[in-house]
Amino acid sequence: MCYMLSEKKVRARISTTMTKSFVDAIDCLIDEGIYLNRGEVMLDALRMLFKSYGVKPFTTKEPKPEDTDQEK
């Protein structure tokens, strides 16, 4: 299982080339008001892809020792 953990939320810009039919479908989702912009479509698609493969791409914090100690 893949885990991609990061201490900070660092953003990186990526670009991709896709067929016009993909771009038209993305723009249709935006025109229908389902998404605000192309970036949101792509992020949601990646979230669904990661979930389907069991990839955990988001930061998870380890509990602090004082949070795990039970009262004695």
PDB file of N, CA and C in Angstrom:
ATOM      1  N   MET A   1       0.842  -1.170   0.000  1.00  0.00           N
ATOM      2  CA  MET A   1       0.000   0.000   0.000  1.00  0.00           C
ATOM      3  C   MET A   1       0.889   1.235   0.000  1.00  0.00           C
ATOM      4  N   CYS A   2       0.533   2.229  -0.780  1.00  0.00           N
ATOM      5  CA  CYS A   2       1.325   3.458  -0.878  1.00  0.00           C
ATOM      6  C   CYS A   2       0.854   4.472   0.154  1.00  0.00           C
ATOM      7  N   TYR A   3       1.815   5.065   0.817  1.00  0.00           N
ATOM      8  CA  TYR A   3       1.535   6.168   1.732  1.00  0.00           C
ATOM      9  C   TYR A   3       2.460   7.302   1.350  1.00  0.00           C
ATOM     10  N   MET A   4       1.894   8.448   1.073  1.00  0.00           N
ATOM     11  CA  MET A   4       2.698   9.614   0.755  1.00  0.00           C
ATOM     12  C   MET A   4       2.444  10.653   1.825  1.00  0.00           C
ATOM     13  N   LEU A   5       3.333  10.720   2.782  1.00  0.00           N
ATOM     14  CA  LEU A   5       3.152  11.633   3.899  1.00  0.00           C
ATOM     15  C   LEU A   5       4.037  12.844   3.731  1.00  0.00           C
ATOM     16  N   SER A   6       3.533  13.965   4.145  1.00  0.00           N
ATOM     17  CA  SER A   6       4.284  15.201   4.062  1.00  0.00           C
ATOM     18  C   SER A   6       4.065  15.986   5.335  1.00  0.00           C
ATOM     19  N   GLU A   7       5.108  16.610   5.822  1.00  0.00           N
ATOM     20  CA  GLU A   7       4.983  17.445   7.013  1.00  0.00           C
ATOM     21  C   GLU A   7       4.245  18.735   6.699  1.00  0.00           C
ATOM     22  N   LYS A   8       4.454  19.268   5.498  1.00  0.00           N
ATOM     23  CA  LYS A   8       3.828  20.528   5.099  1.00  0.00           C
ATOM     24  C   LYS A   8       2.995  20.294   3.849  1.00  0.00           C
ATOM     25  N   LYS A   9       2.018  21.152   3.669  1.00  0.00           N
ATOM     26  CA  LYS A   9       1.244  21.104   2.435  1.00  0.00           C
ATOM     27  C   LYS A   9       1.961  21.986   1.420  1.00  0.00           C
ATOM     28  N   VAL A  10       2.868  21.382   0.677  1.00  0.00           N
ATOM     29  CA  VAL A  10       3.613  22.086  -0.352  1.00  0.00           C
ATOM     30  C   VAL A  10       2.896  21.850  -1.665  1.00  0.00           C
ATOM     31  N   ARG A  11       2.698  22.895  -2.410  1.00  0.00           N
ATOM     32  CA  ARG A  11       2.013  22.761  -3.688  1.00  0.00           C
ATOM     33  C   ARG A  11       3.020  22.760  -4.820  1.00  0.00           C
ATOM     34  N   ALA A  12       2.733  21.972  -5.840  1.00  0.00           N
ATOM     35  CA  ALA A  12       3.549  21.930  -7.041  1.00  0.00           C
ATOM     36  C   ALA A  12       2.610  22.024  -8.236  1.00  0.00           C
ATOM     37  N   ARG A  13       3.014  22.772  -9.216  1.00  0.00           N
ATOM     38  CA  ARG A  13       2.207  22.917 -10.429  1.00  0.00           C
ATOM     39  C   ARG A  13       2.632  21.846 -11.424  1.00  0.00           C
ATOM     40  N   ILE A  14       1.652  21.183 -12.004  1.00  0.00           N
ATOM     41  CA  ILE A  14       1.923  20.213 -13.061  1.00  0.00           C
ATOM     42  C   ILE A  14       1.046  20.556 -14.253  1.00  0.00           C
ATOM     43  N   SER A  15       1.459  20.115 -15.411  1.00  0.00           N
ATOM     44  CA  SER A  15       0.616  20.303 -16.590  1.00  0.00           C
ATOM     45  C   SER A  15       0.550  18.983 -17.331  1.00  0.00           C
ATOM     46  N   THR A  16      -0.506  18.828 -18.087  1.00  0.00           N
ATOM     47  CA  THR A  16      -0.679  17.595 -18.852  1.00  0.00           C
ATOM     48  C   THR A  16      -1.338  17.935 -20.178  1.00  0.00           C
ATOM     49  N   THR A  17      -1.134  17.088 -21.131  1.00  0.00           N
ATOM     50  CA  THR A  17      -1.769  17.234 -22.435  1.00  0.00           C
ATOM     51  C   THR A  17      -2.771  16.100 -22.573  1.00  0.00           C
ATOM     52  N   MET A  18      -3.981  16.446 -22.977  1.00  0.00           N
ATOM     53  CA  MET A  18      -5.013  15.424 -23.155  1.00  0.00           C
ATOM     54  C   MET A  18      -5.827  15.720 -24.396  1.00  0.00           C
ATOM     55  N   THR A  19      -6.579  14.730 -24.830  1.00  0.00           N
ATOM     56  CA  THR A  19      -7.379  14.895 -26.041  1.00  0.00           C
ATOM     57  C   THR A  19      -8.501  15.902 -25.803  1.00  0.00           C
ATOM     58  N   LYS A  20      -8.966  16.470 -26.895  1.00  0.00           N
ATOM     59  CA  LYS A  20     -10.036  17.458 -26.819  1.00  0.00           C
ATOM     60  C   LYS A  20     -11.293  16.872 -26.192  1.00  0.00           C
ATOM     61  N   SER A  21     -11.544  15.599 -26.403  1.00  0.00           N
ATOM     62  CA  SER A  21     -12.750  14.995 -25.826  1.00  0.00           C
ATOM     63  C   SER A  21     -12.691  15.009 -24.295  1.00  0.00           C
ATOM     64  N   PHE A  22     -11.501  14.803 -23.713  1.00  0.00           N
ATOM     65  CA  PHE A  22     -11.363  14.895 -22.258  1.00  0.00           C
ATOM     66  C   PHE A  22     -11.591  16.332 -21.789  1.00  0.00           C
ATOM     67  N   VAL A  23     -10.988  17.275 -22.490  1.00  0.00           N
ATOM     68  CA  VAL A  23     -11.140  18.691 -22.114  1.00  0.00           C
ATOM     69  C   VAL A  23     -12.601  19.112 -22.240  1.00  0.00           C
ATOM     70  N   ASP A  24     -13.257  18.680 -23.293  1.00  0.00           N
ATOM     71  CA  ASP A  24     -14.678  19.017 -23.475  1.00  0.00           C
ATOM     72  C   ASP A  24     -15.530  18.425 -22.347  1.00  0.00           C
ATOM     73  N   ALA A  25     -15.229  17.197 -21.952  1.00  0.00           N
ATOM     74  CA  ALA A  25     -15.982  16.569 -20.865  1.00  0.00           C
ATOM     75  C   ALA A  25     -15.757  17.309 -19.548  1.00  0.00           C
ATOM     76  N   ILE A  26     -14.524  17.721 -19.296  1.00  0.00           N
ATOM     77  CA  ILE A  26     -14.215  18.492 -18.085  1.00  0.00           C
ATOM     78  C   ILE A  26     -14.968  19.819 -18.113  1.00  0.00           C
ATOM     79  N   ASP A  27     -14.921  20.494 -19.251  1.00  0.00           N
ATOM     80  CA  ASP A  27     -15.620  21.775 -19.371  1.00  0.00           C
ATOM     81  C   ASP A  27     -17.130  21.625 -19.228  1.00  0.00           C
ATOM     82  N   CYS A  28     -17.666  20.490 -19.664  1.00  0.00           N
ATOM     83  CA  CYS A  28     -19.092  20.222 -19.498  1.00  0.00           C
ATOM     84  C   CYS A  28     -19.454  20.144 -18.015  1.00  0.00           C
ATOM     85  N   LEU A  29     -18.599  19.469 -17.223  1.00  0.00           N
ATOM     86  CA  LEU A  29     -18.848  19.380 -15.775  1.00  0.00           C
ATOM     87  C   LEU A  29     -18.829  20.765 -15.137  1.00  0.00           C
ATOM     88  N   ILE A  30     -17.968  21.626 -15.625  1.00  0.00           N
ATOM     89  CA  ILE A  30     -17.896  22.996 -15.113  1.00  0.00           C
ATOM     90  C   ILE A  30     -19.135  23.780 -15.541  1.00  0.00           C
ATOM     91  N   ASP A  31     -19.521  23.657 -16.817  1.00  0.00           N
ATOM     92  CA  ASP A  31     -20.712  24.347 -17.328  1.00  0.00           C
ATOM     93  C   ASP A  31     -21.976  23.919 -16.590  1.00  0.00           C
ATOM     94  N   GLU A  32     -22.041  22.656 -16.164  1.00  0.00           N
ATOM     95  CA  GLU A  32     -23.194  22.146 -15.422  1.00  0.00           C
ATOM     96  C   GLU A  32     -23.184  22.590 -13.965  1.00  0.00           C
ATOM     97  N   GLY A  33     -22.106  23.229 -13.544  1.00  0.00           N
ATOM     98  CA  GLY A  33     -22.020  23.719 -12.171  1.00  0.00           C
ATOM     99  C   GLY A  33     -21.575  22.665 -11.171  1.00  0.00           C
ATOM    100  N   ILE A  34     -21.085  21.542 -11.663  1.00  0.00           N
ATOM    101  CA  ILE A  34     -20.643  20.472 -10.773  1.00  0.00           C
ATOM    102  C   ILE A  34     -19.297  20.826 -10.158  1.00  0.00           C
ATOM    103  N   TYR A  35     -18.437  21.462 -10.940  1.00  0.00           N
ATOM    104  CA  TYR A  35     -17.124  21.915 -10.474  1.00  0.00           C
ATOM    105  C   TYR A  35     -16.951  23.385 -10.840  1.00  0.00           C
ATOM    106  N   LEU A  36     -16.065  24.052 -10.110  1.00  0.00           N
ATOM    107  CA  LEU A  36     -15.802  25.467 -10.362  1.00  0.00           C
ATOM    108  C   LEU A  36     -14.780  25.695 -11.472  1.00  0.00           C
ATOM    109  N   ASN A  37     -13.817  24.782 -11.590  1.00  0.00           N
ATOM    110  CA  ASN A  37     -12.756  24.972 -12.574  1.00  0.00           C
ATOM    111  C   ASN A  37     -12.097  23.637 -12.897  1.00  0.00           C
ATOM    112  N   ARG A  38     -11.206  23.664 -13.874  1.00  0.00           N
ATOM    113  CA  ARG A  38     -10.539  22.437 -14.317  1.00  0.00           C
ATOM    114  C   ARG A  38      -9.678  21.823 -13.220  1.00  0.00           C
ATOM    115  N   GLY A  39      -9.041  22.660 -12.435  1.00  0.00           N
ATOM    116  CA  GLY A  39      -8.199  22.154 -11.353  1.00  0.00           C
ATOM    117  C   GLY A  39      -8.984  21.328 -10.352  1.00  0.00           C
ATOM    118  N   GLU A  40     -10.185  21.795 -10.010  1.00  0.00           N
ATOM    119  CA  GLU A  40     -11.024  21.051  -9.068  1.00  0.00           C
ATOM    120  C   GLU A  40     -11.448  19.705  -9.653  1.00  0.00           C
ATOM    121  N   VAL A  41     -11.713  19.667 -10.943  1.00  0.00           N
ATOM    122  CA  VAL A  41     -12.064  18.395 -11.602  1.00  0.00           C
ATOM    123  C   VAL A  41     -10.898  17.422 -11.471  1.00  0.00           C
ATOM    124  N   MET A  42      -9.704  17.898 -11.784  1.00  0.00           N
ATOM    125  CA  MET A  42      -8.528  17.039 -11.750  1.00  0.00           C
ATOM    126  C   MET A  42      -8.222  16.551 -10.333  1.00  0.00           C
ATOM    127  N   LEU A  43      -8.318  17.440  -9.345  1.00  0.00           N
ATOM    128  CA  LEU A  43      -8.057  17.040  -7.964  1.00  0.00           C
ATOM    129  C   LEU A  43      -9.055  15.987  -7.491  1.00  0.00           C
ATOM    130  N   ASP A  44     -10.331  16.175  -7.827  1.00  0.00           N
ATOM    131  CA  ASP A  44     -11.342  15.204  -7.409  1.00  0.00           C
ATOM    132  C   ASP A  44     -11.118  13.857  -8.101  1.00  0.00           C
ATOM    133  N   ALA A  45     -10.748  13.910  -9.382  1.00  0.00           N
ATOM    134  CA  ALA A  45     -10.469  12.663 -10.110  1.00  0.00           C
ATOM    135  C   ALA A  45      -9.292  11.930  -9.472  1.00  0.00           C
ATOM    136  N   LEU A  46      -8.258  12.669  -9.069  1.00  0.00           N
ATOM    137  CA  LEU A  46      -7.114  12.033  -8.416  1.00  0.00           C
ATOM    138  C   LEU A  46      -7.493  11.460  -7.060  1.00  0.00           C
ATOM    139  N   ARG A  47      -8.323  12.172  -6.304  1.00  0.00           N
ATOM    140  CA  ARG A  47      -8.782  11.638  -5.012  1.00  0.00           C
ATOM    141  C   ARG A  47      -9.497  10.306  -5.201  1.00  0.00           C
ATOM    142  N   MET A  48     -10.381  10.245  -6.211  1.00  0.00           N
ATOM    143  CA  MET A  48     -11.109   9.003  -6.479  1.00  0.00           C
ATOM    144  C   MET A  48     -10.163   7.889  -6.918  1.00  0.00           C
ATOM    145  N   LEU A  49      -9.174   8.218  -7.732  1.00  0.00           N
ATOM    146  CA  LEU A  49      -8.195   7.230  -8.177  1.00  0.00           C
ATOM    147  C   LEU A  49      -7.396   6.695  -6.997  1.00  0.00           C
ATOM    148  N   PHE A  50      -6.896   7.606  -6.144  1.00  0.00           N
ATOM    149  CA  PHE A  50      -6.129   7.180  -4.977  1.00  0.00           C
ATOM    150  C   PHE A  50      -6.963   6.290  -4.067  1.00  0.00           C
ATOM    151  N   LYS A  51      -8.204   6.670  -3.857  1.00  0.00           N
ATOM    152  CA  LYS A  51      -9.080   5.881  -2.993  1.00  0.00           C
ATOM    153  C   LYS A  51      -9.292   4.481  -3.566  1.00  0.00           C
ATOM    154  N   SER A  52      -9.478   4.387  -4.876  1.00  0.00           N
ATOM    155  CA  SER A  52      -9.735   3.077  -5.482  1.00  0.00           C
ATOM    156  C   SER A  52      -8.534   2.142  -5.368  1.00  0.00           C
ATOM    157  N   TYR A  53      -7.326   2.696  -5.281  1.00  0.00           N
ATOM    158  CA  TYR A  53      -6.113   1.891  -5.146  1.00  0.00           C
ATOM    159  C   TYR A  53      -5.606   1.817  -3.716  1.00  0.00           C
ATOM    160  N   GLY A  54      -6.318   2.437  -2.801  1.00  0.00           N
ATOM    161  CA  GLY A  54      -5.911   2.393  -1.406  1.00  0.00           C
ATOM    162  C   GLY A  54      -4.715   3.258  -1.090  1.00  0.00           C
ATOM    163  N   VAL A  55      -4.452   4.270  -1.920  1.00  0.00           N
ATOM    164  CA  VAL A  55      -3.328   5.180  -1.690  1.00  0.00           C
ATOM    165  C   VAL A  55      -3.758   6.234  -0.684  1.00  0.00           C
ATOM    166  N   LYS A  56      -2.921   6.460   0.313  1.00  0.00           N
ATOM    167  CA  LYS A  56      -3.193   7.458   1.351  1.00  0.00           C
ATOM    168  C   LYS A  56      -2.300   8.670   1.104  1.00  0.00           C
ATOM    169  N   PRO A  57      -2.762   9.646   0.314  1.00  0.00           N
ATOM    170  CA  PRO A  57      -1.876  10.747  -0.073  1.00  0.00           C
ATOM    171  C   PRO A  57      -1.829  11.925   0.891  1.00  0.00           C
ATOM    172  N   PHE A  58      -2.588  11.877   1.954  1.00  0.00           N
ATOM    173  CA  PHE A  58      -2.708  13.049   2.789  1.00  0.00           C
ATOM    174  C   PHE A  58      -1.938  12.899   4.088  1.00  0.00           C
ATOM    175  N   THR A  59      -1.535  13.995   4.646  1.00  0.00           N
ATOM    176  CA  THR A  59      -0.751  14.007   5.873  1.00  0.00           C
ATOM    177  C   THR A  59      -1.562  13.432   7.019  1.00  0.00           C
ATOM    178  N   THR A  60      -0.927  12.576   7.786  1.00  0.00           N
ATOM    179  CA  THR A  60      -1.529  12.093   9.015  1.00  0.00           C
ATOM    180  C   THR A  60      -0.543  12.358  10.130  1.00  0.00           C
ATOM    181  N   LYS A  61      -1.018  12.849  11.229  1.00  0.00           N
ATOM    182  CA  LYS A  61      -0.153  13.173  12.351  1.00  0.00           C
ATOM    183  C   LYS A  61      -0.161  12.032  13.350  1.00  0.00           C
ATOM    184  N   GLU A  62       1.005  11.731  13.853  1.00  0.00           N
ATOM    185  CA  GLU A  62       1.114  10.747  14.920  1.00  0.00           C
ATOM    186  C   GLU A  62       0.590  11.384  16.197  1.00  0.00           C
ATOM    187  N   PRO A  63      -0.133  10.638  17.023  1.00  0.00           N
ATOM    188  CA  PRO A  63      -0.609  11.221  18.276  1.00  0.00           C
ATOM    189  C   PRO A  63       0.564  11.571  19.180  1.00  0.00           C
ATOM    190  N   LYS A  64       0.426  12.699  19.881  1.00  0.00           N
ATOM    191  CA  LYS A  64       1.454  13.101  20.836  1.00  0.00           C
ATOM    192  C   LYS A  64       1.414  12.140  22.020  1.00  0.00           C
ATOM    193  N   PRO A  65       2.563  11.901  22.659  1.00  0.00           N
ATOM    194  CA  PRO A  65       2.573  10.970  23.793  1.00  0.00           C
ATOM    195  C   PRO A  65       1.566  11.337  24.879  1.00  0.00           C
ATOM    196  N   GLU A  66       1.383  12.624  25.139  1.00  0.00           N
ATOM    197  CA  GLU A  66       0.429  12.997  26.184  1.00  0.00           C
ATOM    198  C   GLU A  66      -1.020  12.728  25.767  1.00  0.00           C
ATOM    199  N   ASP A  67      -1.272  12.651  24.449  1.00  0.00           N
ATOM    200  CA  ASP A  67      -2.617  12.335  23.970  1.00  0.00           C
ATOM    201  C   ASP A  67      -2.947  10.856  24.124  1.00  0.00           C
ATOM    202  N   THR A  68      -1.920  10.012  24.184  1.00  0.00           N
ATOM    203  CA  THR A  68      -2.161   8.574  24.253  1.00  0.00           C
ATOM    204  C   THR A  68      -2.081   8.031  25.678  1.00  0.00           C
ATOM    205  N   ASP A  69      -1.528   8.826  26.595  1.00  0.00           N
ATOM    206  CA  ASP A  69      -1.431   8.379  27.997  1.00  0.00           C
ATOM    207  C   ASP A  69      -2.812   8.377  28.630  1.00  0.00           C
ATOM    208  N   GLN A  70      -3.130   7.278  29.273  1.00  0.00           N
ATOM    209  CA  GLN A  70      -4.386   7.224  30.006  1.00  0.00           C
ATOM    210  C   GLN A  70      -4.138   7.664  31.439  1.00  0.00           C
ATOM    211  N   GLU A  71      -5.143   8.250  32.032  1.00  0.00           N
ATOM    212  CA  GLU A  71      -4.986   8.691  33.425  1.00  0.00           C
ATOM    213  C   GLU A  71      -4.740   7.486  34.304  1.00  0.00           C
ATOM    214  N   LYS A  72      -3.794   7.666  35.240  1.00  0.00           N
ATOM    215  CA  LYS A  72      -3.410   6.553  36.115  1.00  0.00           C
ATOM    216  C   LYS A  72      -4.080   6.663  37.451  1.00  0.00           C
TER     217      LYS A  72
END
